[in-house]
Protein backbone atom coordinates (compact mmCIF):
# COMPACT_ATOMS: atom_id res chain seq x y z
CA MET A 1 123.03 93.52 80.36
CA THR A 2 120.97 90.36 79.84
CA SER A 3 123.47 87.35 79.08
CA MET A 4 122.35 87.41 75.47
CA GLU A 5 123.85 90.77 74.87
CA ARG A 6 127.41 89.52 75.01
CA ASP A 7 128.84 87.47 71.98
CA ASP A 8 131.10 85.38 74.64
CA ASP A 9 128.22 84.33 76.60
CA LEU A 10 126.35 82.67 73.42
CA ASP A 11 129.11 80.16 73.55
CA ILE A 12 126.84 77.87 76.15
CA ASP A 13 126.50 74.21 76.17
CA PHE A 14 124.02 72.87 74.15
CA GLY A 15 124.53 69.19 75.33
CA TYR A 16 126.37 68.05 71.75
CA ASP A 17 129.51 67.04 73.75
CA ASP A 18 128.08 63.55 74.50
CA VAL A 19 127.23 62.76 70.92
CA THR A 20 130.13 63.68 68.92
CA HIS A 21 131.46 59.85 69.03
CA THR A 22 128.43 58.06 68.08
CA PRO A 23 129.27 55.51 65.02
CA VAL A 24 128.27 56.22 62.21
CA VAL A 25 125.07 53.81 60.49
CA LEU A 26 123.71 53.99 57.35
CA LYS A 27 120.36 55.52 57.53
CA THR A 28 117.17 54.05 56.20
CA GLU A 29 114.28 55.67 57.56
CA PHE A 30 113.09 58.15 54.92
CA PHE A 31 110.89 61.15 54.95
CA PRO A 32 108.61 63.28 52.32
CA TRP A 33 111.35 65.65 51.69
CA HIS A 34 113.52 62.67 50.39
CA LYS A 35 111.70 62.22 47.43
CA PRO A 36 113.24 62.74 43.89
CA ARG A 37 110.61 66.00 43.30
CA LYS A 38 112.21 67.84 46.08
CA GLN A 39 115.59 67.22 44.45
CA TYR A 40 113.91 68.56 41.21
CA ILE A 41 113.49 71.67 43.11
CA ARG A 42 116.99 72.09 44.59
CA MET A 43 118.40 71.63 41.46
CA GLU A 44 115.90 73.86 38.93
CA GLN A 45 114.67 76.56 41.51
CA TRP A 46 117.16 76.62 44.86
CA SER A 47 120.39 76.12 42.87
CA SER A 48 119.50 77.75 39.58
CA GLY A 49 118.84 81.39 41.18
CA VAL A 50 122.01 81.07 43.11
CA SER A 51 124.08 80.15 40.24
CA SER A 52 122.10 83.56 38.19
CA LEU A 53 122.62 85.48 41.61
CA ILE A 54 126.34 84.74 41.86
CA ALA A 55 126.72 85.72 38.29
CA ALA A 56 124.73 89.05 39.13
CA LEU A 57 126.71 89.83 41.96
CA GLY A 58 129.84 89.20 40.96
CA LEU A 59 131.03 87.09 43.49
CA GLU A 60 133.53 84.86 41.21
CA GLU A 61 135.29 87.90 40.65
CA GLY A 62 134.68 89.79 43.87
CA GLY A 63 136.24 87.07 46.20
CA ARG A 64 133.59 87.06 49.16
CA PRO A 65 131.51 84.17 49.82
CA LEU A 66 127.87 83.96 49.23
CA GLU A 67 125.95 84.28 52.54
CA TYR A 68 123.13 81.79 52.99
CA LEU A 69 120.45 81.58 55.25
CA SER A 70 118.54 78.34 55.89
CA LEU A 71 116.49 75.84 57.82
CA PRO A 72 118.65 72.87 56.79
CA GLY A 73 117.75 70.20 59.29
CA PRO A 74 119.95 67.85 60.42
CA ASP A 75 121.49 66.24 56.96
CA LEU A 76 122.21 69.46 55.25
CA LEU A 77 120.37 68.69 52.37
CA ASP A 78 119.80 71.92 50.79
CA LEU A 79 123.39 73.15 51.64
CA ARG A 80 124.74 70.11 50.30
CA ALA A 81 122.83 70.81 47.32
CA VAL A 82 123.82 74.58 46.76
CA TYR A 83 127.33 73.75 47.77
CA LYS A 84 127.78 72.06 44.18
CA VAL A 85 126.97 75.52 42.68
CA CYS A 86 129.34 77.29 44.60
CA GLU A 87 131.70 74.49 43.78
CA GLU A 88 131.63 74.78 40.50
CA LYS A 89 131.65 78.79 40.36
CA LYS A 90 134.70 78.42 42.76
CA VAL A 91 132.47 80.68 45.15
CA LYS A 92 132.89 79.98 48.73
CA ILE A 93 129.31 79.32 50.95
CA LYS A 94 129.00 81.02 54.10
CA PHE A 95 125.95 79.51 55.29
CA THR A 96 124.08 80.04 58.56
CA GLY A 97 121.31 77.59 59.36
CA LEU A 98 118.81 77.45 62.32
CA ASN A 99 117.55 73.83 63.38
CA HIS A 100 116.14 73.09 66.93
CA ILE A 101 116.73 69.87 68.10
CA PRO A 102 116.00 68.64 71.59
CA PRO A 103 118.43 67.28 73.72
CA GLU A 104 117.06 64.08 74.14
CA ARG A 105 117.35 63.00 70.44
CA LYS A 106 121.16 62.52 70.64
CA ALA A 107 121.07 60.35 67.31
CA GLU A 108 119.92 63.50 65.94
CA LEU A 109 121.87 65.61 67.43
CA ALA A 110 124.88 63.47 66.56
CA ASP A 111 123.98 63.47 62.98
CA GLN A 112 123.75 67.12 62.44
CA LEU A 113 127.44 67.17 63.97
CA ILE A 114 128.74 64.69 61.63
CA SER A 115 126.84 66.68 58.89
CA LEU A 116 128.29 70.35 59.66
CA ASP A 117 131.65 68.16 60.13
CA GLU A 118 131.52 67.15 56.20
CA MET A 119 130.27 70.40 55.02
CA LYS A 120 132.77 72.71 57.09
CA SER A 121 135.51 70.36 55.28
CA LYS A 122 135.09 71.07 52.04
CA ASP A 123 137.11 73.66 50.12
CA TYR A 124 134.77 76.00 49.46
CA VAL A 125 132.64 76.53 52.96
CA ASP A 126 133.67 79.61 54.72
CA ASN A 127 135.17 78.60 58.53
CA SER A 128 132.61 80.75 60.29
CA SER A 129 129.46 78.74 58.89
CA ASP A 130 127.61 76.84 61.50
CA VAL A 131 124.13 75.95 62.39
CA TYR A 132 122.57 77.27 65.64
CA PRO A 133 120.11 75.66 67.79
CA ASP A 134 117.11 77.55 67.94
CA LYS A 135 113.60 77.98 65.99
CA LEU A 136 112.94 80.53 63.04
CA GLU A 137 109.84 81.79 65.43
CA ASN A 138 112.23 83.01 67.85
CA LEU A 139 114.25 85.27 65.39
CA SER A 140 112.03 88.61 66.44
CA LYS A 141 113.01 87.82 70.24
CA THR A 142 116.54 89.84 70.97
CA ASP A 143 117.40 87.43 73.75
CA SER A 144 116.96 84.25 71.36
CA VAL A 145 120.19 82.67 69.89
CA ALA A 146 118.22 83.06 66.53
CA TYR A 147 118.03 86.76 66.78
CA GLN A 148 121.82 86.99 67.87
CA LYS A 149 123.37 85.04 65.16
CA VAL A 150 120.92 85.46 62.55
CA ILE A 151 120.64 89.35 62.61
CA LYS A 152 122.65 91.05 65.45
CA LEU A 153 126.24 89.39 64.58
CA SER A 154 125.69 89.12 60.87
CA ARG A 155 125.41 91.27 57.75
CA THR A 156 122.46 90.77 55.24
CA TYR A 157 121.87 87.64 53.15
CA ASP A 158 122.46 86.86 49.41
CA VAL A 159 119.73 84.18 49.64
CA ILE A 160 117.16 83.41 52.44
CA ASN A 161 115.75 79.99 52.02
CA ILE A 162 112.70 79.13 54.29
CA ASP A 163 111.99 75.33 53.56
CA LEU A 164 109.00 74.69 55.83
CA CYS A 165 107.06 71.15 56.30
CA ASP A 166 104.03 72.59 57.20
CA SER A 167 102.18 75.98 56.73
CA PHE A 168 103.36 79.08 58.36
CA LEU A 169 99.91 80.79 57.84
CA GLY A 170 98.11 78.47 60.67
CA ALA A 171 98.19 81.13 63.20
CA PRO A 172 95.97 84.19 64.16
CA PRO A 173 97.61 87.65 62.95
CA LYS A 174 99.33 89.03 65.51
CA GLU A 175 98.37 86.05 67.70
CA ALA A 176 102.14 86.18 69.05
CA GLN A 177 105.46 87.69 68.79
CA ASP A 178 107.53 84.60 68.46
CA GLY A 179 105.37 83.22 65.50
CA TYR A 180 106.44 82.72 61.69
CA TYR A 181 104.65 86.08 60.52
CA GLN A 182 106.78 88.30 63.15
CA ALA A 183 109.91 86.38 62.76
CA LEU A 184 109.77 86.59 58.63
CA PHE A 185 108.42 90.31 58.78
CA SER A 186 111.44 91.14 60.88
CA LEU A 187 113.66 89.11 58.35
CA LEU A 188 112.22 90.88 55.38
CA ARG A 189 112.83 94.52 56.83
CA TYR A 190 116.23 93.19 57.69
CA GLN A 191 117.34 92.83 54.57
CA ALA A 192 115.29 96.11 53.29
CA GLU A 193 116.66 97.97 55.83
CA HIS A 194 120.25 97.17 55.32
CA ARG A 195 120.91 95.67 51.84
CA SER A 196 121.56 97.41 48.87
CA ASN A 197 122.42 94.37 46.32
CA ASP A 198 120.01 91.71 44.92
CA TRP A 199 118.89 88.76 46.98
CA LEU A 200 117.14 85.65 46.58
CA PHE A 201 114.12 84.72 49.22
CA TYR A 202 112.88 81.22 49.11
CA ILE A 203 109.93 80.13 51.16
CA THR A 204 108.26 76.69 50.99
CA SER A 205 104.95 75.90 52.69
CA ARG A 206 101.38 74.26 52.93
CA THR A 207 98.42 75.78 51.06
CA ASN A 208 95.62 73.49 52.18
CA ARG A 209 92.36 75.58 53.21
CA ASP A 210 92.91 74.04 56.92
CA MET A 211 96.21 74.61 57.22
CA VAL A 212 95.61 78.07 56.71
CA ASN A 213 93.91 80.47 59.52
CA ASP A 214 90.50 82.17 58.60
CA GLU A 215 91.10 85.45 59.52
CA THR A 216 94.81 85.27 57.29
CA PHE A 217 92.91 84.03 54.19
CA SER A 218 89.95 86.42 54.49
CA ARG A 219 92.89 88.97 54.46
CA PHE A 220 94.53 87.32 51.55
CA ILE A 221 91.34 87.77 49.53
CA LYS A 222 90.32 91.34 50.61
CA ALA A 223 94.03 92.10 49.54
CA LEU A 224 93.57 90.27 46.00
CA GLU A 225 89.98 91.59 45.41
CA ASP A 226 91.35 95.77 46.14
CA ILE A 227 94.20 94.73 43.49
CA PHE A 228 91.51 93.88 41.17
CA ASP A 229 89.19 97.07 41.65
CA ILE A 230 92.07 99.29 40.99
CA ASP A 231 93.88 97.43 38.00
CA GLU A 232 91.32 96.52 35.46
CA ASP A 233 93.77 95.01 32.93
CA LEU A 234 95.31 92.75 35.67
CA TYR A 235 92.05 91.42 36.88
CA ALA A 236 91.41 90.80 32.84
CA ARG A 237 94.94 88.53 32.09
CA VAL A 238 93.78 86.78 35.73
CA GLU A 239 90.66 85.71 33.83
CA ASP A 240 91.71 85.31 30.45
CA ASN A 241 94.53 82.78 31.98
CA ASN A 242 91.84 80.58 34.29
CA ILE A 243 94.10 81.30 36.97
CA PHE A 244 91.23 80.14 39.55
CA SER A 245 88.35 77.54 38.70
CA PRO A 246 85.24 78.40 36.88
CA GLY A 247 82.95 80.45 39.48
CA ALA A 248 85.36 80.86 42.01
CA LEU A 249 86.05 84.68 41.03
CA VAL A 250 83.08 86.80 39.41
CA GLN A 251 82.98 90.41 38.99
CA LYS A 252 86.21 90.93 40.88
CA ARG A 253 84.92 89.15 44.01
CA PHE A 254 85.49 85.53 45.47
CA ILE A 255 82.51 83.26 45.83
CA ALA A 256 83.24 81.16 49.18
CA ASP A 257 81.14 78.23 47.97
CA GLU A 258 82.93 77.88 44.78
CA LEU A 259 86.56 77.62 45.98
CA ASP A 260 87.84 74.03 45.11
CA CYS A 261 91.35 72.96 46.34
CA ARG A 262 92.80 74.71 43.13
CA SER A 263 91.33 78.18 43.73
CA VAL A 264 92.29 77.97 47.34
CA SER A 265 95.81 76.94 46.68
CA HIS A 266 96.04 79.78 43.87
CA ILE A 267 94.90 82.57 46.48
CA VAL A 268 97.20 81.45 49.34
CA SER A 269 100.43 81.65 46.79
CA ALA A 270 98.95 85.17 45.44
CA GLY A 271 98.74 86.12 49.17
CA ILE A 272 101.92 84.92 49.76
CA GLY A 273 103.16 86.74 47.10
CA LYS A 274 101.42 90.00 48.09
CA TRP A 275 102.73 89.84 51.67
CA VAL A 276 106.01 89.47 50.88
CA LEU A 277 105.82 92.54 48.32
CA GLY A 278 103.92 94.75 51.09
CA SER A 279 106.68 93.76 53.88
CA LEU A 280 109.57 94.89 51.65
CA THR A 281 107.90 98.26 50.27
CA SER A 282 105.48 99.28 52.71
CA THR A 283 108.40 101.56 54.54
CA PRO A 284 111.49 103.30 52.76
CA PRO A 285 113.91 101.99 52.21
CA ALA A 286 112.30 99.56 49.86
CA HIS A 287 112.73 96.43 47.71
CA LYS A 288 110.93 95.20 44.85
CA SER A 289 110.07 91.22 45.08
CA SER A 290 110.06 89.86 41.59
CA MET A 291 108.36 86.21 41.86
CA MET A 292 109.96 83.66 39.84
CA LYS A 293 108.60 80.52 38.57
CA LEU A 294 106.20 78.60 40.80
CA PHE A 295 106.76 74.84 41.64
CA SER A 296 104.17 72.72 43.24
CA TYR A 297 103.33 69.42 43.80
CA ASN A 298 100.83 67.34 46.28
CA VAL A 299 101.76 66.17 50.16
CA SER A 300 98.51 64.53 50.08
CA LEU A 301 97.18 62.22 47.49
CA LYS A 302 93.66 62.89 48.45
CA GLU A 303 93.81 66.87 47.34
CA THR A 304 92.67 67.60 43.93
CA SER A 305 95.31 70.16 43.22
CA TYR A 306 98.76 71.14 44.93
CA ASP A 307 98.87 71.65 48.32
CA MET A 308 102.41 72.54 49.07
CA VAL A 309 104.26 75.38 46.93
CA SER A 310 107.90 76.78 46.58
CA LEU A 311 108.33 80.13 45.77
CA GLY A 312 110.98 82.23 44.95
CA PHE A 313 111.55 86.01 44.77
CA TRP A 314 114.23 88.24 43.31
CA CYS A 315 114.67 91.08 45.32
CA LYS A 316 116.04 94.31 44.60
CA LYS A 317 116.32 97.47 45.90
CA ILE A 318 114.19 100.66 44.88
CA PRO A 319 116.03 103.77 44.56
CA THR A 320 114.48 106.26 47.24
CA PRO A 321 113.65 109.54 45.27
CA ALA A 322 114.73 112.65 47.32
CA GLU A 323 115.01 116.68 46.95
CA ASP A 324 117.36 119.22 48.32
CA PRO A 325 115.12 121.12 50.61
CA LEU A 326 117.05 124.45 49.98
CA GLY A 327 116.75 123.96 46.08
CA LEU A 328 120.54 124.12 45.54
CA ALA A 329 120.88 120.52 44.10
CA ASN A 330 118.46 118.85 41.33
CA GLY A 331 117.60 115.91 43.69
CA VAL A 332 118.25 112.30 43.13
CA ASN A 333 116.11 109.80 41.46
CA LEU A 334 113.00 111.64 40.94
CA GLY A 335 113.00 110.41 37.45
CA LYS A 336 112.52 106.96 38.82
CA GLU A 337 109.92 104.77 38.62
CA SER A 338 107.20 104.86 41.52
CA SER A 339 106.40 102.50 43.89
CA GLU A 340 103.00 102.21 43.24
CA SER A 341 104.14 101.11 39.70
CA VAL A 342 106.78 98.88 40.95
CA GLN A 343 103.94 97.21 42.95
CA ARG A 344 101.58 96.99 39.92
CA LYS A 345 104.26 95.33 38.26
CA CYS A 346 105.70 92.87 40.78
CA MET A 347 101.72 91.78 41.16
CA ASP A 348 101.39 90.46 37.58
CA LYS A 349 104.60 88.48 37.80
CA VAL A 350 102.82 87.00 40.78
CA PHE A 351 99.49 85.97 38.76
CA LYS A 352 102.25 85.36 35.91
CA SER A 353 103.66 82.72 37.73
CA LEU A 354 100.56 81.39 38.78
CA SER A 355 99.54 80.92 35.11
CA GLU A 356 102.82 78.98 34.53
CA VAL A 357 102.82 76.92 37.55
CA LEU A 358 105.11 73.61 37.36
CA ASP A 359 103.58 70.75 38.52
CA VAL A 360 106.68 68.63 39.79
CA ASP A 361 104.75 65.57 40.45
CA ARG A 362 103.51 65.50 37.04
CA GLU A 363 106.61 66.44 35.36
CA LEU A 364 108.09 63.76 36.69
CA THR A 365 105.68 61.29 35.34
CA ASP A 366 108.09 61.20 32.38
CA ASP A 367 110.12 58.36 33.44
CA ALA A 368 113.29 59.62 31.85
CA LYS A 369 113.03 63.00 33.89
CA PHE A 370 112.07 60.69 36.93
CA ASN A 371 115.23 58.92 36.76
CA SER A 372 117.58 61.74 36.11
CA TYR A 373 116.20 63.08 39.28
CA LEU A 374 115.93 59.84 41.30
CA GLN A 375 119.88 59.23 40.39
CA ALA A 376 120.92 63.13 41.70
CA SER A 377 118.84 62.58 44.84
CA ALA A 378 120.47 59.08 45.34
CA ASP A 379 123.86 60.64 45.12
CA LEU A 380 122.58 63.29 47.62
CA MET A 381 121.16 60.94 50.03
CA GLN A 382 124.41 58.77 49.86
CA ALA A 383 126.51 61.90 50.18
CA ALA A 384 124.24 62.25 53.99
CA ARG A 385 125.19 58.90 54.65
CA TYR A 386 121.80 57.30 53.65
CA ASP A 387 121.49 53.34 52.06
CA ARG A 388 121.59 54.31 48.48
CA ASP A 389 119.74 50.86 47.39
CA ARG A 390 117.19 51.36 50.19
CA TYR A 391 116.44 54.79 49.13
CA ILE A 392 116.05 53.78 45.63
CA ASP A 393 113.32 51.09 46.20
CA TRP A 394 111.78 53.39 48.84
CA ALA A 395 111.78 56.41 46.16
CA LYS A 396 110.12 54.21 43.38
CA ASN A 397 107.75 52.65 45.35
CA GLU A 398 106.58 56.26 46.37
CA HIS A 399 106.78 57.79 42.81
CA LYS A 400 103.96 54.66 42.00
CA LEU A 401 101.65 55.91 44.30
CA VAL A 402 102.00 59.55 43.35
CA VAL A 403 101.65 58.41 39.55
CA ALA A 404 98.44 56.39 40.31
CA ALA A 405 96.56 59.17 42.72
CA LEU A 406 97.46 61.36 39.26
CA GLN A 407 95.76 58.98 36.87
CA GLU A 408 93.05 58.86 39.30
CA ARG A 409 92.68 62.66 39.50
CA ALA A 410 92.92 62.77 35.68
């Protein structure tokens, strides 16, 4: 028996004891995910979806907490935002987080401990909530803290929020068993094999061509072209809605030399949608993944189109048809929609979301909207012990750069 096969052996020393009494100082260093546009996504995508799921699952009446898995970072910003929904609905949240911080980064470790203490003291946080010191990439390794805490010792999750700062598509397929592909596939299959109720899957990723592995990108293109070959109606709608730039898609085939930033981003977004759907439907028990509204923005101001996407999927179990081998019963779920039909409809939703993609940067060029989300973001940052005034000055200056880039692009 390895040390990780015993639950009590997981209570090991991660080097936190010597940072618990670090004095609290208002923070003044800010990062891209602190911009008000991220607060827009927290509120209009994540929190909105969580609110709808709480209603769909009847958690207000059921008495059980919302099971939530994420990569929260030391400030736990996504948890603070989603908590507001739970507080309004009077539903507890049981959060499980993964965040690897090297032991030498003591200030960051202390900051996370303070954030955890703040969150766990709230009325609508389940006492068993915690953030564990491991990486998402280790989720498929059975001797890892990630596997033990996220999968082996947990129930399924109502909400899974994988908010990445980079791209999860940078490595070659099957290069390693501890990469993003294997970790996310394992997580999706765990949900499909053990869950009956609806659930939400969010994933944020860069879409730049240089941040997507060549073989992965080629597989996305092949998968989409195969769909167009089979579904003439879908291909016609893709053309009618101008989802790809002129010349990028001709007679159901992508033209490599014509793939501008916008077309690449749409291929990557559609490819992620197809991969999530295939991961959940390829093997029974299967779940369908209906892509919800797609949110985008720019990390690099030099790009001519969005290079970061935040995708959301409403996942629902597909009833498995079964016949009585002795013919005594009529069977169950025999009249249900076929898996092939479900997949076609889900891919249709992927492309519908692409045709209506919301550019958050452009949305916030409206001064009233920007100020509204700036104040909401400042409230969140202040709760996480950031200097509010310094934050507002920083966010306004960053916003000016984004607006200038958009004007130049136009």
